[in-house]
Amino acid sequence: MAEKTLNVVGMHCPSCVMNVELTMKDLDGVDEAKASLDDNTVTVEYDPEKVTDDDLVGAVEEAGFKVE
């Protein structure tokens, strides 16, 4: 397993955090996703053989946010 933290632009409420976490967890190969409203980040534990950086960024964008 690998871990990566992404800077997320646009999260401003607990619903935003939940939306990012759920979208990330929907990716096959993501074990855990924890978003922080205070830091505007999401930290993801994932299998790098199944999930690429582009997949992670795409999930954040699918949730309606941008990655810095």
PDB file of N, CA and C in Angstrom:
ATOM      1  N   MET A   1       0.835  -1.185   0.000  1.00  0.00           N
ATOM      2  CA  MET A   1       0.000   0.000   0.000  1.00  0.00           C
ATOM      3  C   MET A   1       0.879   1.247   0.000  1.00  0.00           C
ATOM      4  N   ALA A   2       0.362   2.280  -0.624  1.00  0.00           N
ATOM      5  CA  ALA A   2       1.041   3.572  -0.663  1.00  0.00           C
ATOM      6  C   ALA A   2       0.109   4.614  -0.059  1.00  0.00           C
ATOM      7  N   GLU A   3       0.686   5.754   0.296  1.00  0.00           N
ATOM      8  CA  GLU A   3      -0.114   6.846   0.836  1.00  0.00           C
ATOM      9  C   GLU A   3       0.258   8.128   0.115  1.00  0.00           C
ATOM     10  N   LYS A   4      -0.760   8.917  -0.192  1.00  0.00           N
ATOM     11  CA  LYS A   4      -0.538  10.191  -0.885  1.00  0.00           C
ATOM     12  C   LYS A   4      -1.508  11.213  -0.318  1.00  0.00           C
ATOM     13  N   THR A   5      -1.026  12.449  -0.179  1.00  0.00           N
ATOM     14  CA  THR A   5      -1.874  13.554   0.253  1.00  0.00           C
ATOM     15  C   THR A   5      -1.988  14.544  -0.887  1.00  0.00           C
ATOM     16  N   LEU A   6      -3.222  14.893  -1.229  1.00  0.00           N
ATOM     17  CA  LEU A   6      -3.503  15.850  -2.297  1.00  0.00           C
ATOM     18  C   LEU A   6      -4.093  17.121  -1.702  1.00  0.00           C
ATOM     19  N   ASN A   7      -3.702  18.276  -2.234  1.00  0.00           N
ATOM     20  CA  ASN A   7      -4.305  19.551  -1.856  1.00  0.00           C
ATOM     21  C   ASN A   7      -5.562  19.750  -2.687  1.00  0.00           C
ATOM     22  N   VAL A   8      -6.684  19.917  -2.010  1.00  0.00           N
ATOM     23  CA  VAL A   8      -7.986  20.029  -2.668  1.00  0.00           C
ATOM     24  C   VAL A   8      -8.488  21.470  -2.572  1.00  0.00           C
ATOM     25  N   VAL A   9      -8.859  22.034  -3.706  1.00  0.00           N
ATOM     26  CA  VAL A   9      -9.365  23.402  -3.758  1.00  0.00           C
ATOM     27  C   VAL A   9     -10.893  23.366  -3.830  1.00  0.00           C
ATOM     28  N   GLY A  10     -11.540  24.113  -2.943  1.00  0.00           N
ATOM     29  CA  GLY A  10     -12.975  24.280  -3.040  1.00  0.00           C
ATOM     30  C   GLY A  10     -13.801  23.613  -1.957  1.00  0.00           C
ATOM     31  N   MET A  11     -13.192  22.808  -1.096  1.00  0.00           N
ATOM     32  CA  MET A  11     -13.963  22.217  -0.008  1.00  0.00           C
ATOM     33  C   MET A  11     -14.267  23.306   1.018  1.00  0.00           C
ATOM     34  N   HIS A  12     -15.544  23.417   1.412  1.00  0.00           N
ATOM     35  CA  HIS A  12     -15.882  24.461   2.376  1.00  0.00           C
ATOM     36  C   HIS A  12     -16.886  24.026   3.444  1.00  0.00           C
ATOM     37  N   CYS A  13     -17.270  22.737   3.433  1.00  0.00           N
ATOM     38  CA  CYS A  13     -18.236  22.271   4.435  1.00  0.00           C
ATOM     39  C   CYS A  13     -18.061  20.767   4.658  1.00  0.00           C
ATOM     40  N   PRO A  14     -18.665  20.234   5.719  1.00  0.00           N
ATOM     41  CA  PRO A  14     -18.553  18.788   5.979  1.00  0.00           C
ATOM     42  C   PRO A  14     -19.098  17.919   4.845  1.00  0.00           C
ATOM     43  N   SER A  15     -20.099  18.397   4.127  1.00  0.00           N
ATOM     44  CA  SER A  15     -20.620  17.630   2.992  1.00  0.00           C
ATOM     45  C   SER A  15     -19.580  17.508   1.886  1.00  0.00           C
ATOM     46  N   CYS A  16     -18.806  18.564   1.685  1.00  0.00           N
ATOM     47  CA  CYS A  16     -17.723  18.524   0.691  1.00  0.00           C
ATOM     48  C   CYS A  16     -16.706  17.449   1.067  1.00  0.00           C
ATOM     49  N   VAL A  17     -16.342  17.413   2.336  1.00  0.00           N
ATOM     50  CA  VAL A  17     -15.376  16.425   2.826  1.00  0.00           C
ATOM     51  C   VAL A  17     -15.905  15.017   2.580  1.00  0.00           C
ATOM     52  N   MET A  18     -17.155  14.782   2.941  1.00  0.00           N
ATOM     53  CA  MET A  18     -17.746  13.462   2.764  1.00  0.00           C
ATOM     54  C   MET A  18     -17.801  13.074   1.284  1.00  0.00           C
ATOM     55  N   ASN A  19     -18.143  14.024   0.428  1.00  0.00           N
ATOM     56  CA  ASN A  19     -18.222  13.763  -1.001  1.00  0.00           C
ATOM     57  C   ASN A  19     -16.857  13.344  -1.558  1.00  0.00           C
ATOM     58  N   VAL A  20     -15.806  14.047  -1.174  1.00  0.00           N
ATOM     59  CA  VAL A  20     -14.452  13.701  -1.635  1.00  0.00           C
ATOM     60  C   VAL A  20     -14.066  12.314  -1.133  1.00  0.00           C
ATOM     61  N   GLU A  21     -14.290  12.054   0.153  1.00  0.00           N
ATOM     62  CA  GLU A  21     -13.920  10.757   0.718  1.00  0.00           C
ATOM     63  C   GLU A  21     -14.659   9.615   0.027  1.00  0.00           C
ATOM     64  N   LEU A  22     -15.962   9.752  -0.157  1.00  0.00           N
ATOM     65  CA  LEU A  22     -16.741   8.685  -0.775  1.00  0.00           C
ATOM     66  C   LEU A  22     -16.341   8.441  -2.227  1.00  0.00           C
ATOM     67  N   THR A  23     -16.064   9.506  -2.963  1.00  0.00           N
ATOM     68  CA  THR A  23     -15.655   9.354  -4.365  1.00  0.00           C
ATOM     69  C   THR A  23     -14.298   8.659  -4.457  1.00  0.00           C
ATOM     70  N   MET A  24     -13.385   9.001  -3.555  1.00  0.00           N
ATOM     71  CA  MET A  24     -12.068   8.352  -3.554  1.00  0.00           C
ATOM     72  C   MET A  24     -12.201   6.871  -3.195  1.00  0.00           C
ATOM     73  N   LYS A  25     -13.035   6.569  -2.197  1.00  0.00           N
ATOM     74  CA  LYS A  25     -13.197   5.183  -1.746  1.00  0.00           C
ATOM     75  C   LYS A  25     -13.870   4.314  -2.808  1.00  0.00           C
ATOM     76  N   ASP A  26     -14.563   4.939  -3.753  1.00  0.00           N
ATOM     77  CA  ASP A  26     -15.192   4.178  -4.835  1.00  0.00           C
ATOM     78  C   ASP A  26     -14.180   3.615  -5.829  1.00  0.00           C
ATOM     79  N   LEU A  27     -12.962   4.146  -5.824  1.00  0.00           N
ATOM     80  CA  LEU A  27     -11.933   3.640  -6.735  1.00  0.00           C
ATOM     81  C   LEU A  27     -11.482   2.257  -6.279  1.00  0.00           C
ATOM     82  N   ASP A  28     -11.433   1.315  -7.210  1.00  0.00           N
ATOM     83  CA  ASP A  28     -10.914  -0.015  -6.905  1.00  0.00           C
ATOM     84  C   ASP A  28      -9.431   0.112  -6.592  1.00  0.00           C
ATOM     85  N   GLY A  29      -9.040  -0.293  -5.404  1.00  0.00           N
ATOM     86  CA  GLY A  29      -7.648  -0.200  -4.993  1.00  0.00           C
ATOM     87  C   GLY A  29      -7.419   0.841  -3.912  1.00  0.00           C
ATOM     88  N   VAL A  30      -8.423   1.669  -3.630  1.00  0.00           N
ATOM     89  CA  VAL A  30      -8.306   2.642  -2.535  1.00  0.00           C
ATOM     90  C   VAL A  30      -8.824   1.980  -1.272  1.00  0.00           C
ATOM     91  N   ASP A  31      -7.966   1.939  -0.261  1.00  0.00           N
ATOM     92  CA  ASP A  31      -8.317   1.308   1.006  1.00  0.00           C
ATOM     93  C   ASP A  31      -8.939   2.318   1.975  1.00  0.00           C
ATOM     94  N   GLU A  32      -8.405   3.541   1.992  1.00  0.00           N
ATOM     95  CA  GLU A  32      -8.884   4.554   2.930  1.00  0.00           C
ATOM     96  C   GLU A  32      -8.683   5.938   2.331  1.00  0.00           C
ATOM     97  N   ALA A  33      -9.615   6.837   2.614  1.00  0.00           N
ATOM     98  CA  ALA A  33      -9.502   8.234   2.193  1.00  0.00           C
ATOM     99  C   ALA A  33      -9.992   9.095   3.344  1.00  0.00           C
ATOM    100  N   LYS A  34      -9.172  10.056   3.747  1.00  0.00           N
ATOM    101  CA  LYS A  34      -9.519  10.936   4.862  1.00  0.00           C
ATOM    102  C   LYS A  34      -9.271  12.377   4.417  1.00  0.00           C
ATOM    103  N   ALA A  35     -10.359  13.120   4.270  1.00  0.00           N
ATOM    104  CA  ALA A  35     -10.254  14.522   3.863  1.00  0.00           C
ATOM    105  C   ALA A  35     -10.264  15.413   5.097  1.00  0.00           C
ATOM    106  N   SER A  36      -9.579  16.544   4.991  1.00  0.00           N
ATOM    107  CA  SER A  36      -9.506  17.507   6.086  1.00  0.00           C
ATOM    108  C   SER A  36      -9.966  18.865   5.590  1.00  0.00           C
ATOM    109  N   LEU A  37     -11.010  19.373   6.205  1.00  0.00           N
ATOM    110  CA  LEU A  37     -11.509  20.697   5.870  1.00  0.00           C
ATOM    111  C   LEU A  37     -10.539  21.772   6.348  1.00  0.00           C
ATOM    112  N   ASP A  38      -9.895  21.538   7.485  1.00  0.00           N
ATOM    113  CA  ASP A  38      -8.946  22.506   8.047  1.00  0.00           C
ATOM    114  C   ASP A  38      -7.735  22.696   7.145  1.00  0.00           C
ATOM    115  N   ASP A  39      -7.228  21.596   6.568  1.00  0.00           N
ATOM    116  CA  ASP A  39      -6.018  21.649   5.741  1.00  0.00           C
ATOM    117  C   ASP A  39      -6.313  21.698   4.249  1.00  0.00           C
ATOM    118  N   ASN A  40      -7.588  21.484   3.874  1.00  0.00           N
ATOM    119  CA  ASN A  40      -7.964  21.377   2.463  1.00  0.00           C
ATOM    120  C   ASN A  40      -7.146  20.312   1.745  1.00  0.00           C
ATOM    121  N   THR A  41      -7.079  19.133   2.384  1.00  0.00           N
ATOM    122  CA  THR A  41      -6.340  18.011   1.812  1.00  0.00           C
ATOM    123  C   THR A  41      -7.181  16.742   1.890  1.00  0.00           C
ATOM    124  N   VAL A  42      -6.763  15.763   1.117  1.00  0.00           N
ATOM    125  CA  VAL A  42      -7.279  14.403   1.275  1.00  0.00           C
ATOM    126  C   VAL A  42      -6.072  13.470   1.258  1.00  0.00           C
ATOM    127  N   THR A  43      -6.004  12.597   2.240  1.00  0.00           N
ATOM    128  CA  THR A  43      -4.934  11.606   2.328  1.00  0.00           C
ATOM    129  C   THR A  43      -5.534  10.254   1.992  1.00  0.00           C
ATOM    130  N   VAL A  44      -4.874   9.570   1.066  1.00  0.00           N
ATOM    131  CA  VAL A  44      -5.409   8.330   0.519  1.00  0.00           C
ATOM    132  C   VAL A  44      -4.413   7.201   0.712  1.00  0.00           C
ATOM    133  N   GLU A  45      -4.887   6.056   1.205  1.00  0.00           N
ATOM    134  CA  GLU A  45      -4.108   4.824   1.226  1.00  0.00           C
ATOM    135  C   GLU A  45      -4.613   3.981   0.064  1.00  0.00           C
ATOM    136  N   TYR A  46      -3.700   3.548  -0.805  1.00  0.00           N
ATOM    137  CA  TYR A  46      -4.132   2.867  -2.024  1.00  0.00           C
ATOM    138  C   TYR A  46      -3.075   1.883  -2.514  1.00  0.00           C
ATOM    139  N   ASP A  47      -3.511   1.017  -3.408  1.00  0.00           N
ATOM    140  CA  ASP A  47      -2.625   0.051  -4.055  1.00  0.00           C
ATOM    141  C   ASP A  47      -2.120   0.681  -5.352  1.00  0.00           C
ATOM    142  N   PRO A  48      -0.827   1.029  -5.406  1.00  0.00           N
ATOM    143  CA  PRO A  48      -0.310   1.702  -6.610  1.00  0.00           C
ATOM    144  C   PRO A  48      -0.312   0.826  -7.859  1.00  0.00           C
ATOM    145  N   GLU A  49      -0.544  -0.469  -7.709  1.00  0.00           N
ATOM    146  CA  GLU A  49      -0.656  -1.336  -8.875  1.00  0.00           C
ATOM    147  C   GLU A  49      -2.041  -1.249  -9.500  1.00  0.00           C
ATOM    148  N   LYS A  50      -3.020  -0.719  -8.748  1.00  0.00           N
ATOM    149  CA  LYS A  50      -4.387  -0.603  -9.249  1.00  0.00           C
ATOM    150  C   LYS A  50      -4.807   0.837  -9.503  1.00  0.00           C
ATOM    151  N   VAL A  51      -4.194   1.786  -8.779  1.00  0.00           N
ATOM    152  CA  VAL A  51      -4.615   3.184  -8.826  1.00  0.00           C
ATOM    153  C   VAL A  51      -3.430   4.062  -9.198  1.00  0.00           C
ATOM    154  N   THR A  52      -3.619   4.934 -10.187  1.00  0.00           N
ATOM    155  CA  THR A  52      -2.569   5.870 -10.588  1.00  0.00           C
ATOM    156  C   THR A  52      -2.842   7.248  -9.982  1.00  0.00           C
ATOM    157  N   ASP A  53      -1.844   8.117 -10.070  1.00  0.00           N
ATOM    158  CA  ASP A  53      -2.038   9.500  -9.624  1.00  0.00           C
ATOM    159  C   ASP A  53      -3.171  10.164 -10.405  1.00  0.00           C
ATOM    160  N   ASP A  54      -3.257   9.863 -11.699  1.00  0.00           N
ATOM    161  CA  ASP A  54      -4.330  10.435 -12.522  1.00  0.00           C
ATOM    162  C   ASP A  54      -5.704   9.962 -12.045  1.00  0.00           C
ATOM    163  N   ASP A  55      -5.789   8.716 -11.585  1.00  0.00           N
ATOM    164  CA  ASP A  55      -7.049   8.203 -11.043  1.00  0.00           C
ATOM    165  C   ASP A  55      -7.461   8.992  -9.800  1.00  0.00           C
ATOM    166  N   LEU A  56      -6.486   9.270  -8.933  1.00  0.00           N
ATOM    167  CA  LEU A  56      -6.771  10.001  -7.700  1.00  0.00           C
ATOM    168  C   LEU A  56      -7.240  11.423  -8.009  1.00  0.00           C
ATOM    169  N   VAL A  57      -6.532  12.091  -8.895  1.00  0.00           N
ATOM    170  CA  VAL A  57      -6.911  13.455  -9.287  1.00  0.00           C
ATOM    171  C   VAL A  57      -8.284  13.436  -9.958  1.00  0.00           C
ATOM    172  N   GLY A  58      -8.524  12.448 -10.805  1.00  0.00           N
ATOM    173  CA  GLY A  58      -9.801  12.334 -11.487  1.00  0.00           C
ATOM    174  C   GLY A  58     -10.961  12.155 -10.514  1.00  0.00           C
ATOM    175  N   ALA A  59     -10.739  11.405  -9.435  1.00  0.00           N
ATOM    176  CA  ALA A  59     -11.790  11.204  -8.439  1.00  0.00           C
ATOM    177  C   ALA A  59     -12.121  12.506  -7.726  1.00  0.00           C
ATOM    178  N   VAL A  60     -11.095  13.297  -7.405  1.00  0.00           N
ATOM    179  CA  VAL A  60     -11.335  14.602  -6.768  1.00  0.00           C
ATOM    180  C   VAL A  60     -12.128  15.496  -7.720  1.00  0.00           C
ATOM    181  N   GLU A  61     -11.740  15.491  -8.980  1.00  0.00           N
ATOM    182  CA  GLU A  61     -12.442  16.322  -9.969  1.00  0.00           C
ATOM    183  C   GLU A  61     -13.873  15.819 -10.173  1.00  0.00           C
ATOM    184  N   GLU A  62     -14.074  14.510 -10.141  1.00  0.00           N
ATOM    185  CA  GLU A  62     -15.417  13.946 -10.265  1.00  0.00           C
ATOM    186  C   GLU A  62     -16.313  14.393  -9.108  1.00  0.00           C
ATOM    187  N   ALA A  63     -15.696  14.580  -7.939  1.00  0.00           N
ATOM    188  CA  ALA A  63     -16.444  15.044  -6.763  1.00  0.00           C
ATOM    189  C   ALA A  63     -16.756  16.532  -6.849  1.00  0.00           C
ATOM    190  N   GLY A  64     -16.178  17.217  -7.844  1.00  0.00           N
ATOM    191  CA  GLY A  64     -16.490  18.627  -8.065  1.00  0.00           C
ATOM    192  C   GLY A  64     -15.443  19.610  -7.565  1.00  0.00           C
ATOM    193  N   PHE A  65     -14.220  19.101  -7.321  1.00  0.00           N
ATOM    194  CA  PHE A  65     -13.168  19.961  -6.784  1.00  0.00           C
ATOM    195  C   PHE A  65     -11.922  19.878  -7.656  1.00  0.00           C
ATOM    196  N   LYS A  66     -10.947  20.691  -7.348  1.00  0.00           N
ATOM    197  CA  LYS A  66      -9.684  20.696  -8.093  1.00  0.00           C
ATOM    198  C   LYS A  66      -8.541  20.323  -7.171  1.00  0.00           C
ATOM    199  N   VAL A  67      -7.478  19.790  -7.772  1.00  0.00           N
ATOM    200  CA  VAL A  67      -6.256  19.454  -7.037  1.00  0.00           C
ATOM    201  C   VAL A  67      -5.209  20.487  -7.372  1.00  0.00           C
ATOM    202  N   GLU A  68      -4.557  21.011  -6.358  1.00  0.00           N
ATOM    203  CA  GLU A  68      -3.466  21.985  -6.559  1.00  0.00           C
ATOM    204  C   GLU A  68      -2.148  21.271  -6.620  1.00  0.00           C
TER     205      GLU A  68
END
